């Protein structure tokens, strides 16, 4: 899904999170029992997709 969104111009955000139990992998953060990705919409609002793991 991430590649399909990027192909449509979505740019994923990367944040410096203070989480020793988490890790970034290709723009997706996994930690705290979930995977999360952030991006901005056309108006500049920050949106998040979160999936429990």
Protein backbone atom coordinates (compact mmCIF):
# COMPACT_ATOMS: atom_id res chain seq x y z
CA UNK A 1 0.00 0.00 0.00
CA UNK A 2 2.84 2.44 0.83
CA UNK A 3 4.31 2.23 -2.66
CA UNK A 4 0.89 2.79 -4.24
CA UNK A 5 0.42 5.94 -2.16
CA UNK A 6 3.91 7.19 -3.02
CA UNK A 7 3.18 6.61 -6.71
CA UNK A 8 0.28 9.05 -6.29
CA UNK A 9 2.53 11.69 -4.76
CA UNK A 10 2.09 10.99 -1.05
CA UNK A 11 5.22 11.91 0.91
CA UNK A 12 5.57 10.12 4.23
CA UNK A 13 6.77 12.13 7.21
CA UNK A 14 9.57 10.99 9.51
CA UNK A 15 9.61 12.08 13.14
CA UNK A 16 12.35 11.75 15.74
CA UNK A 17 10.49 9.63 18.27
CA UNK A 18 11.98 8.92 21.67
CA UNK A 19 11.05 5.24 21.75
CA UNK A 20 13.78 2.71 22.49
CA UNK A 21 11.36 -0.15 21.72
CA UNK A 22 10.47 1.12 18.25
CA UNK A 23 12.13 1.28 14.86
CA UNK A 24 11.63 2.92 11.46
CA UNK A 25 11.48 0.76 8.35
CA UNK A 26 10.86 2.36 4.96
CA UNK A 27 8.85 5.26 6.40
CA UNK A 28 6.78 3.14 8.78
CA UNK A 29 7.36 3.22 12.54
CA UNK A 30 6.78 0.03 14.51
CA UNK A 31 6.64 0.26 18.30
CA UNK A 32 4.30 0.22 21.26
CA UNK A 33 2.20 -2.56 19.75
CA UNK A 34 1.42 -0.76 16.49
CA UNK A 35 2.71 0.26 13.07
CA UNK A 36 2.25 3.93 12.19
CA UNK A 37 2.87 6.17 9.20
CA UNK A 38 2.31 9.92 8.91
CA UNK A 39 1.76 12.15 5.90
CA UNK A 40 0.24 15.53 5.03
CA UNK A 41 -2.87 16.13 2.96
CA UNK A 42 -3.17 18.84 0.29
CA UNK A 43 -4.09 21.39 2.97
CA UNK A 44 -1.04 20.62 5.13
CA UNK A 45 -2.92 18.66 7.80
CA UNK A 46 -0.97 15.78 9.29
CA UNK A 47 -2.71 12.42 8.93
CA UNK A 48 -1.72 9.11 10.52
CA UNK A 49 -2.39 5.52 9.60
CA UNK A 50 -2.10 3.18 12.58
CA UNK A 51 -2.32 -0.60 12.56
CA UNK A 52 -2.23 -2.70 15.76
CA UNK A 53 0.30 -5.53 15.65
